[in-house]
C-alpha atoms as a PDB file:
ATOM      1  CA  MET A   1    -147.908-121.135  -5.553  1.00  0.00           C
ATOM      2  CA  PRO A   2    -147.990-117.613  -7.026  1.00  0.00           C
ATOM      3  CA  VAL A   3    -151.397-116.143  -7.747  1.00  0.00           C
ATOM      4  CA  THR A   4    -152.668-116.580 -11.312  1.00  0.00           C
ATOM      5  CA  TYR A   5    -153.988-113.256 -12.614  1.00  0.00           C
ATOM      6  CA  LEU A   6    -156.489-113.073 -15.472  1.00  0.00           C
ATOM      7  CA  GLY A   7    -158.015-110.278 -17.478  1.00  0.00           C
ATOM      8  CA  THR A   8    -161.564-109.204 -16.709  1.00  0.00           C
ATOM      9  CA  GLU A   9    -163.252-111.101 -19.552  1.00  0.00           C
ATOM     10  CA  GLN A  10    -161.321-114.295 -18.802  1.00  0.00           C
ATOM     11  CA  ALA A  11    -162.215-114.093 -15.117  1.00  0.00           C
ATOM     12  CA  ILE A  12    -165.901-113.443 -15.759  1.00  0.00           C
ATOM     13  CA  ALA A  13    -166.077-116.457 -18.084  1.00  0.00           C
ATOM     14  CA  ARG A  14    -164.300-118.735 -15.611  1.00  0.00           C
ATOM     15  CA  PRO A  15    -166.386-120.619 -13.019  1.00  0.00           C
ATOM     16  CA  GLY A  16    -165.281-120.999  -9.418  1.00  0.00           C
ATOM     17  CA  LEU A  17    -163.613-118.531  -7.109  1.00  0.00           C
ATOM     18  CA  ARG A  18    -162.202-115.254  -8.403  1.00  0.00           C
ATOM     19  CA  MET A  19    -161.052-112.188  -6.499  1.00  0.00           C
ATOM     20  CA  VAL A  20    -160.479-108.596  -7.542  1.00  0.00           C
ATOM     21  CA  VAL A  21    -157.416-107.228  -5.746  1.00  0.00           C
ATOM     22  CA  VAL A  22    -155.419-104.024  -5.701  1.00  0.00           C
ATOM     23  CA  GLY A  23    -152.374-104.671  -7.885  1.00  0.00           C
ATOM     24  CA  ASN A  24    -148.722-103.967  -7.105  1.00  0.00           C
ATOM     25  CA  VAL A  25    -149.497-102.760  -3.556  1.00  0.00           C
ATOM     26  CA  PRO A  26    -149.812-105.033  -0.481  1.00  0.00           C
ATOM     27  CA  SER A  27    -153.252-103.839   0.591  1.00  0.00           C
ATOM     28  CA  PRO A  28    -153.661-105.655   3.921  1.00  0.00           C
ATOM     29  CA  TRP A  29    -157.315-106.517   3.287  1.00  0.00           C
ATOM     30  CA  GLY A  30    -156.361-108.221   0.037  1.00  0.00           C
ATOM     31  CA  GLU A  31    -153.285-109.916   1.468  1.00  0.00           C
ATOM     32  CA  ALA A  32    -155.379-111.266   4.346  1.00  0.00           C
ATOM     33  CA  ALA A  33    -157.926-112.734   1.929  1.00  0.00           C
ATOM     34  CA  LYS A  34    -155.099-114.295  -0.114  1.00  0.00           C
ATOM     35  CA  GLY A  35    -153.662-115.729   3.090  1.00  0.00           C
ATOM     36  CA  ILE A  36    -156.992-117.257   4.092  1.00  0.00           C
ATOM     37  CA  PHE A  37    -157.364-118.855   0.646  1.00  0.00           C
ATOM     38  CA  HIS A  38    -153.783-120.160   0.868  1.00  0.00           C
ATOM     39  CA  ILE A  39    -154.265-121.776   4.273  1.00  0.00           C
ATOM     40  CA  LYS A  40    -157.470-123.413   3.019  1.00  0.00           C
ATOM     41  CA  ARG A  41    -155.829-124.477  -0.270  1.00  0.00           C
ATOM     42  CA  LEU A  42    -158.648-122.957  -2.290  1.00  0.00           C
ATOM     43  CA  ASP A  43    -158.320-122.856  -6.062  1.00  0.00           C
ATOM     44  CA  TRP A  44    -158.823-119.258  -7.194  1.00  0.00           C
ATOM     45  CA  VAL A  45    -157.623-116.669  -9.674  1.00  0.00           C
ATOM     46  CA  GLY A  46    -157.000-112.959  -9.256  1.00  0.00           C
ATOM     47  CA  VAL A  47    -158.031-109.906 -11.252  1.00  0.00           C
ATOM     48  CA  ARG A  48    -156.057-106.717 -10.691  1.00  0.00           C
ATOM     49  CA  LEU A  49    -158.251-103.715 -10.010  1.00  0.00           C
ATOM     50  CA  ALA A  50    -158.413-101.182 -12.859  1.00  0.00           C
ATOM     51  CA  TYR A  51    -160.423 -98.082 -12.009  1.00  0.00           C
ATOM     52  CA  ASP A  52    -161.286 -97.352 -15.665  1.00  0.00           C
ATOM     53  CA  ASP A  53    -162.460-100.907 -16.473  1.00  0.00           C
ATOM     54  CA  LYS A  54    -166.241-100.575 -16.915  1.00  0.00           C
ATOM     55  CA  ALA A  55    -166.784-104.312 -17.329  1.00  0.00           C
ATOM     56  CA  LEU A  56    -164.915-104.994 -14.092  1.00  0.00           C
ATOM     57  CA  HIS A  57    -166.935-102.350 -12.250  1.00  0.00           C
ATOM     58  CA  GLN A  58    -170.217-103.802 -13.519  1.00  0.00           C
ATOM     59  CA  TRP A  59    -169.211-107.353 -12.596  1.00  0.00           C
ATOM     60  CA  ALA A  60    -167.737-106.599  -9.169  1.00  0.00           C
ATOM     61  CA  GLY A  61    -170.240-103.894  -8.238  1.00  0.00           C
ATOM     62  CA  GLN A  62    -167.672-101.343  -7.091  1.00  0.00           C
ATOM     63  CA  ARG A  63    -164.203 -99.985  -7.780  1.00  0.00           C
ATOM     64  CA  SER A  64    -162.360-101.469  -4.840  1.00  0.00           C
ATOM     65  CA  GLY A  65    -160.641-104.605  -3.649  1.00  0.00           C
ATOM     66  CA  PRO A  66    -160.656-107.246  -2.438  1.00  0.00           C
ATOM     67  CA  ILE A  67    -163.937-108.465  -3.893  1.00  0.00           C
ATOM     68  CA  ALA A  68    -164.497-112.230  -3.967  1.00  0.00           C
ATOM     69  CA  ILE A  69    -166.899-113.716  -6.509  1.00  0.00           C
ATOM     70  CA  TYR A  70    -167.846-117.397  -6.470  1.00  0.00           C
ATOM     71  CA  ASN A  71    -169.635-118.781  -9.530  1.00  0.00           C
ATOM     72  CA  ASP A  72    -172.732-116.648 -10.116  1.00  0.00           C
ATOM     73  CA  GLU A  73    -173.170-115.641  -6.475  1.00  0.00           C
ATOM     74  CA  PRO A  74    -173.226-111.946  -5.521  1.00  0.00           C
ATOM     75  CA  PRO A  75    -169.826-110.259  -5.042  1.00  0.00           C
ATOM     76  CA  ARG A  76    -168.493-110.220  -1.498  1.00  0.00           C
ATOM     77  CA  ALA A  77    -166.465-107.156  -0.510  1.00  0.00           C
ATOM     78  CA  GLY A  78    -166.414-107.172   3.301  1.00  0.00           C
ATOM     79  CA  TRP A  79    -163.622-108.915   5.177  1.00  0.00           C
ATOM     80  CA  ALA A  80    -166.105-110.990   7.208  1.00  0.00           C
ATOM     81  CA  ASP A  81    -168.110-111.961   4.124  1.00  0.00           C
ATOM     82  CA  ILE A  82    -164.953-113.157   2.362  1.00  0.00           C
ATOM     83  CA  LEU A  83    -163.883-115.118   5.444  1.00  0.00           C
ATOM     84  CA  LEU A  84    -167.263-116.830   5.778  1.00  0.00           C
ATOM     85  CA  LEU A  85    -167.297-117.699   2.078  1.00  0.00           C
ATOM     86  CA  ALA A  86    -163.862-119.324   2.464  1.00  0.00           C
ATOM     87  CA  GLU A  87    -165.078-121.233   5.523  1.00  0.00           C
ATOM     88  CA  ARG A  88    -168.041-122.539   3.530  1.00  0.00           C
ATOM     89  CA  LEU A  89    -165.950-123.589   0.542  1.00  0.00           C
ATOM     90  CA  ALA A  90    -163.213-125.208   2.649  1.00  0.00           C
ATOM     91  CA  PRO A  91    -164.409-125.968   6.197  1.00  0.00           C
ATOM     92  CA  GLU A  92    -161.020-127.472   7.112  1.00  0.00           C
ATOM     93  CA  PRO A  93    -158.745-126.180   8.366  1.00  0.00           C
ATOM     94  CA  SER A  94    -161.166-123.832  10.052  1.00  0.00           C
ATOM     95  CA  LEU A  95    -159.997-120.344  10.885  1.00  0.00           C
ATOM     96  CA  LEU A  96    -162.889-119.829  13.293  1.00  0.00           C
ATOM     97  CA  PRO A  97    -162.832-121.128  16.882  1.00  0.00           C
ATOM     98  CA  GLY A  98    -165.352-123.848  17.634  1.00  0.00           C
ATOM     99  CA  ASP A  99    -166.265-122.366  21.008  1.00  0.00           C
ATOM    100  CA  ALA A 100    -168.971-119.691  20.710  1.00  0.00           C
ATOM    101  CA  ALA A 101    -167.347-117.289  23.177  1.00  0.00           C
ATOM    102  CA  GLU A 102    -163.943-117.601  21.507  1.00  0.00           C
ATOM    103  CA  ARG A 103    -165.577-117.121  18.104  1.00  0.00           C
ATOM    104  CA  ALA A 104    -167.127-113.884  19.339  1.00  0.00           C
ATOM    105  CA  THR A 105    -163.751-112.770  20.702  1.00  0.00           C
ATOM    106  CA  MET A 106    -162.102-113.558  17.373  1.00  0.00           C
ATOM    107  CA  PHE A 107    -164.636-111.553  15.398  1.00  0.00           C
ATOM    108  CA  GLY A 108    -164.191-108.677  17.839  1.00  0.00           C
ATOM    109  CA  LEU A 109    -160.419-108.698  17.379  1.00  0.00           C
ATOM    110  CA  ALA A 110    -160.808-109.005  13.617  1.00  0.00           C
ATOM    111  CA  HIS A 111    -163.163-106.029  13.495  1.00  0.00           C
ATOM    112  CA  GLU A 112    -160.699-103.925  15.484  1.00  0.00           C
ATOM    113  CA  ILE A 113    -158.065-104.783  12.863  1.00  0.00           C
ATOM    114  CA  CYS A 114    -160.068-104.797   9.608  1.00  0.00           C
ATOM    115  CA  GLY A 115    -163.314-102.948  10.240  1.00  0.00           C
ATOM    116  CA  GLN A 116    -164.375 -99.345   9.973  1.00  0.00           C
ATOM    117  CA  GLU A 117    -162.336 -97.283  12.459  1.00  0.00           C
ATOM    118  CA  GLY A 118    -160.148-100.344  13.019  1.00  0.00           C
ATOM    119  CA  LEU A 119    -156.378-100.498  12.815  1.00  0.00           C
ATOM    120  CA  GLY A 120    -156.109-100.440   9.023  1.00  0.00           C
ATOM    121  CA  TRP A 121    -158.668 -97.643   8.743  1.00  0.00           C
ATOM    122  CA  ALA A 122    -156.991 -95.514  11.409  1.00  0.00           C
ATOM    123  CA  ARG A 123    -153.513 -96.114   9.978  1.00  0.00           C
ATOM    124  CA  ARG A 124    -154.702 -94.924   6.557  1.00  0.00           C
ATOM    125  CA  LEU A 125    -156.087 -91.744   8.165  1.00  0.00           C
ATOM    126  CA  GLN A 126    -152.849 -91.267  10.097  1.00  0.00           C
ATOM    127  CA  LEU A 127    -150.769 -91.534   6.913  1.00  0.00           C
ATOM    128  CA  ILE A 128    -153.076 -89.235   4.955  1.00  0.00           C
ATOM    129  CA  HIS A 129    -152.781 -86.645   7.733  1.00  0.00           C
ATOM    130  CA  ALA A 130    -148.992 -86.932   7.646  1.00  0.00           C
ATOM    131  CA  GLY A 131    -148.913 -86.392   3.884  1.00  0.00           C
ATOM    132  CA  ALA A 132    -147.324 -89.795   3.314  1.00  0.00           C
ATOM    133  CA  PHE A 133    -149.112 -90.396  -0.008  1.00  0.00           C
ATOM    134  CA  GLY A 134    -148.796 -88.422  -3.218  1.00  0.00           C
ATOM    135  CA  PRO A 135    -151.550 -85.940  -4.140  1.00  0.00           C
ATOM    136  CA  ARG A 136    -153.551 -88.336  -6.334  1.00  0.00           C
ATOM    137  CA  ALA A 137    -153.468 -91.318  -3.957  1.00  0.00           C
ATOM    138  CA  GLY A 138    -153.912 -89.036  -0.955  1.00  0.00           C
ATOM    139  CA  GLN A 139    -157.047 -87.419  -2.373  1.00  0.00           C
ATOM    140  CA  TYR A 140    -158.549 -90.776  -3.333  1.00  0.00           C
ATOM    141  CA  LEU A 141    -157.881 -92.292   0.096  1.00  0.00           C
ATOM    142  CA  ALA A 142    -159.112 -89.169   1.876  1.00  0.00           C
ATOM    143  CA  ARG A 143    -162.503 -89.526   0.173  1.00  0.00           C
ATOM    144  CA  LYS A 144    -162.651 -93.265   0.776  1.00  0.00           C
ATOM    145  CA  TYR A 145    -161.858 -93.068   4.490  1.00  0.00           C
ATOM    146  CA  GLY A 146    -163.729 -89.876   5.368  1.00  0.00           C
ATOM    147  CA  TYR A 147    -160.634 -87.830   6.107  1.00  0.00           C
ATOM    148  CA  SER A 148    -160.773 -84.356   7.587  1.00  0.00           C
ATOM    149  CA  PRO A 149    -158.041 -82.507   9.495  1.00  0.00           C
ATOM    150  CA  ALA A 150    -159.891 -83.128  12.762  1.00  0.00           C
ATOM    151  CA  VAL A 151    -160.324 -86.839  12.038  1.00  0.00           C
ATOM    152  CA  GLY A 152    -156.699 -87.154  10.971  1.00  0.00           C
ATOM    153  CA  ALA A 153    -155.452 -85.444  14.104  1.00  0.00           C
ATOM    154  CA  ASN A 154    -157.139 -88.122  16.229  1.00  0.00           C
ATOM    155  CA  ALA A 155    -155.893 -91.079  14.185  1.00  0.00           C
ATOM    156  CA  THR A 156    -152.628 -91.630  16.050  1.00  0.00           C
ATOM    157  CA  ALA A 157    -154.419 -92.074  19.366  1.00  0.00           C
ATOM    158  CA  ARG A 158    -156.659 -94.710  17.818  1.00  0.00           C
ATOM    159  CA  VAL A 159    -153.734 -96.482  16.137  1.00  0.00           C
ATOM    160  CA  THR A 160    -151.663 -96.666  19.310  1.00  0.00           C
ATOM    161  CA  ALA A 161    -154.603 -97.869  21.404  1.00  0.00           C
ATOM    162  CA  LEU A 162    -155.251-100.729  18.986  1.00  0.00           C
ATOM    163  CA  LEU A 163    -151.592-101.702  18.714  1.00  0.00           C
ATOM    164  CA  ARG A 164    -151.410-101.941  22.510  1.00  0.00           C
ATOM    165  CA  LEU A 165    -154.617-103.993  22.600  1.00  0.00           C
ATOM    166  CA  LEU A 166    -153.201-106.527  20.163  1.00  0.00           C
ATOM    167  CA  ALA A 167    -149.791-106.665  21.832  1.00  0.00           C
ATOM    168  CA  THR A 168    -151.397-107.240  25.235  1.00  0.00           C
ATOM    169  CA  ARG A 169    -153.454-110.096  23.841  1.00  0.00           C
ATOM    170  CA  LEU A 170    -150.415-111.774  22.286  1.00  0.00           C
ATOM    171  CA  ALA A 171    -148.385-111.364  25.469  1.00  0.00           C
ATOM    172  CA  MET A 172    -151.170-112.990  27.473  1.00  0.00           C
ATOM    173  CA  GLN A 173    -151.316-115.869  25.011  1.00  0.00           C
ATOM    174  CA  ARG A 174    -147.540-116.268  25.055  1.00  0.00           C
ATOM    175  CA  GLN A 175    -147.639-116.612  28.830  1.00  0.00           C
ATOM    176  CA  ALA A 176    -150.263-119.337  28.365  1.00  0.00           C
ATOM    177  CA  GLY A 177    -147.953-121.164  25.950  1.00  0.00           C
ATOM    178  CA  SER A 178    -149.504-120.193  22.609  1.00  0.00           C
ATOM    179  CA  PRO A 179    -148.137-117.934  19.835  1.00  0.00           C
ATOM    180  CA  TYR A 180    -151.667-117.295  18.504  1.00  0.00           C
ATOM    181  CA  TYR A 181    -154.429-114.881  19.456  1.00  0.00           C
ATOM    182  CA  LEU A 182    -156.806-117.659  20.540  1.00  0.00           C
ATOM    183  CA  GLY A 183    -156.107-121.230  21.502  1.00  0.00           C
ATOM    184  CA  ALA A 184    -153.349-123.429  20.131  1.00  0.00           C
ATOM    185  CA  ALA A 185    -153.993-122.977  16.395  1.00  0.00           C
ATOM    186  CA  PRO A 186    -154.198-120.000  14.045  1.00  0.00           C
ATOM    187  CA  THR A 187    -157.495-118.249  13.439  1.00  0.00           C
ATOM    188  CA  ALA A 188    -158.426-115.501  11.007  1.00  0.00           C
ATOM    189  CA  ALA A 189    -157.373-112.959  13.641  1.00  0.00           C
ATOM    190  CA  ASP A 190    -153.786-114.180  13.275  1.00  0.00           C
ATOM    191  CA  VAL A 191    -153.932-113.756   9.497  1.00  0.00           C
ATOM    192  CA  TYR A 192    -155.349-110.237   9.805  1.00  0.00           C
ATOM    193  CA  SER A 193    -152.781-109.184  12.381  1.00  0.00           C
ATOM    194  CA  ALA A 194    -149.878-110.541  10.312  1.00  0.00           C
ATOM    195  CA  THR A 195    -150.953-108.762   7.134  1.00  0.00           C
ATOM    196  CA  PHE A 196    -151.965-105.448   8.707  1.00  0.00           C
ATOM    197  CA  VAL A 197    -148.637-105.044  10.514  1.00  0.00           C
ATOM    198  CA  GLY A 198    -147.270-104.435   7.025  1.00  0.00           C
ATOM    199  CA  LEU A 199    -148.883-100.995   7.175  1.00  0.00           C
ATOM    200  CA  PHE A 200    -146.241-100.126   9.785  1.00  0.00           C
ATOM    201  CA  ARG A 201    -143.238-102.251   8.804  1.00  0.00           C
ATOM    202  CA  PRO A 202    -143.451-103.657   5.263  1.00  0.00           C
ATOM    203  CA  LEU A 203    -141.904-107.001   4.478  1.00  0.00           C
ATOM    204  CA  PRO A 204    -138.452-106.704   2.829  1.00  0.00           C
ATOM    205  CA  PRO A 205    -138.279-106.178  -0.953  1.00  0.00           C
ATOM    206  CA  GLU A 206    -137.372-109.797  -1.687  1.00  0.00           C
ATOM    207  CA  HIS A 207    -140.652-110.842  -0.070  1.00  0.00           C
ATOM    208  CA  CYS A 208    -142.774-107.825  -1.017  1.00  0.00           C
ATOM    209  CA  PRO A 209    -141.813-106.106  -4.300  1.00  0.00           C
ATOM    210  CA  MET A 210    -143.932-102.982  -3.766  1.00  0.00           C
ATOM    211  CA  THR A 211    -143.166 -99.573  -5.264  1.00  0.00           C
ATOM    212  CA  GLU A 212    -140.728 -97.447  -3.304  1.00  0.00           C
ATOM    213  CA  ALA A 213    -143.298 -94.647  -3.006  1.00  0.00           C
ATOM    214  CA  PHE A 214    -145.754 -96.897  -1.174  1.00  0.00           C
ATOM    215  CA  ARG A 215    -142.978 -98.578   0.816  1.00  0.00           C
ATOM    216  CA  GLY A 216    -141.944 -95.168   2.092  1.00  0.00           C
ATOM    217  CA  ALA A 217    -145.535 -94.308   2.972  1.00  0.00           C
ATOM    218  CA  TYR A 218    -146.156 -97.572   4.836  1.00  0.00           C
ATOM    219  CA  ASP A 219    -142.865 -97.214   6.701  1.00  0.00           C
ATOM    220  CA  ARG A 220    -143.673 -93.655   7.858  1.00  0.00           C
ATOM    221  CA  ARG A 221    -142.755 -93.405  11.548  1.00  0.00           C
ATOM    222  CA  ASP A 222    -143.486 -91.231  14.533  1.00  0.00           C
ATOM    223  CA  PRO A 223    -142.462 -91.603  18.203  1.00  0.00           C
ATOM    224  CA  GLU A 224    -145.937 -92.417  19.557  1.00  0.00           C
ATOM    225  CA  THR A 225    -146.630 -95.141  17.022  1.00  0.00           C
ATOM    226  CA  ASP A 226    -143.128 -96.583  17.336  1.00  0.00           C
ATOM    227  CA  ALA A 227    -143.571 -96.854  21.104  1.00  0.00           C
ATOM    228  CA  ALA A 228    -146.869 -98.741  20.676  1.00  0.00           C
ATOM    229  CA  LEU A 229    -145.599-101.117  17.983  1.00  0.00           C
ATOM    230  CA  ASP A 230    -144.438-103.812  20.369  1.00  0.00           C
ATOM    231  CA  PRO A 231    -141.864-106.265  18.927  1.00  0.00           C
ATOM    232  CA  ILE A 232    -144.266-109.102  19.745  1.00  0.00           C
ATOM    233  CA  LEU A 233    -146.482-107.953  16.853  1.00  0.00           C
ATOM    234  CA  LEU A 234    -143.622-108.225  14.374  1.00  0.00           C
ATOM    235  CA  GLU A 235    -142.514-111.553  15.852  1.00  0.00           C
ATOM    236  CA  HIS A 236    -146.063-112.847  15.417  1.00  0.00           C
ATOM    237  CA  ARG A 237    -146.114-111.601  11.797  1.00  0.00           C
ATOM    238  CA  ASP A 238    -142.849-113.379  11.012  1.00  0.00           C
ATOM    239  CA  MET A 239    -144.051-116.584  12.670  1.00  0.00           C
ATOM    240  CA  MET A 240    -147.276-116.566  10.629  1.00  0.00           C
ATOM    241  CA  TYR A 241    -145.396-116.165   7.340  1.00  0.00           C
ATOM    242  CA  ALA A 242    -142.883-118.844   8.316  1.00  0.00           C
ATOM    243  CA  ARG A 243    -145.535-121.382   9.334  1.00  0.00           C
ATOM    244  CA  HIS A 244    -148.783-120.613   7.526  1.00  0.00           C
ATOM    245  CA  LEU A 245    -148.621-117.892   4.857  1.00  0.00           C
ATOM    246  CA  GLU A 246    -146.850-117.657   1.523  1.00  0.00           C
ATOM    247  CA  LEU A 247    -143.783-115.690   0.466  1.00  0.00           C
ATOM    248  CA  PRO A 248    -143.004-113.832  -1.642  1.00  0.00           C
ATOM    249  CA  LEU A 249    -146.267-111.923  -1.959  1.00  0.00           C
ATOM    250  CA  SER A 250    -147.969-112.193  -5.361  1.00  0.00           C
ATOM    251  CA  LEU A 251    -148.872-108.598  -6.089  1.00  0.00           C
END
């Protein structure tokens, strides 16, 4: 079902699970959180981020997204915090492996996708360095991600290394008979991978009605990155949306 979006005052007054998300852009962190809630069939409502909304800032604690808020509990902004909240609210189906070693591997993969200096972080720096965003968005993202010319110049190497890491893992799993990153069922790592690949190849307009300016930025290409973006990553993304995630995106 499409996401129900409320205004700030309505969301604050409503009990249960609410999440502040970036509107009209498929931010992969937000789309991953939506995907986790969808798989777990959690009842929640969205609030689109508005940078000049003082009440929203006071309630959520920061001007960013996604930020999940459950009842009167403190806001949760980190990808791992949101995942663990979802696991607590809906233990089944679990998106965490039961085996301790596999759980550690999953969190390691997830950090390399979602965390600081991970795939999403490095891709943002790469696109800022390439001038893919307009001046206003570019300046905002540069501050948020600690951009400098030196940092941006190194981003492509980090991006390609992580893409190859993920592709190697999927190829190994495919040889073992599984389409997923760990075991025979999807974990959070599969959700993160599927949503973050959109930073390189966005879903088509009928599935992802994003603005053309951001579509062009996300689809920015260069030979090194293209060579590292193995088709297995896109095949995995398409499989996850066909089997487990929801289309079209509710932006």
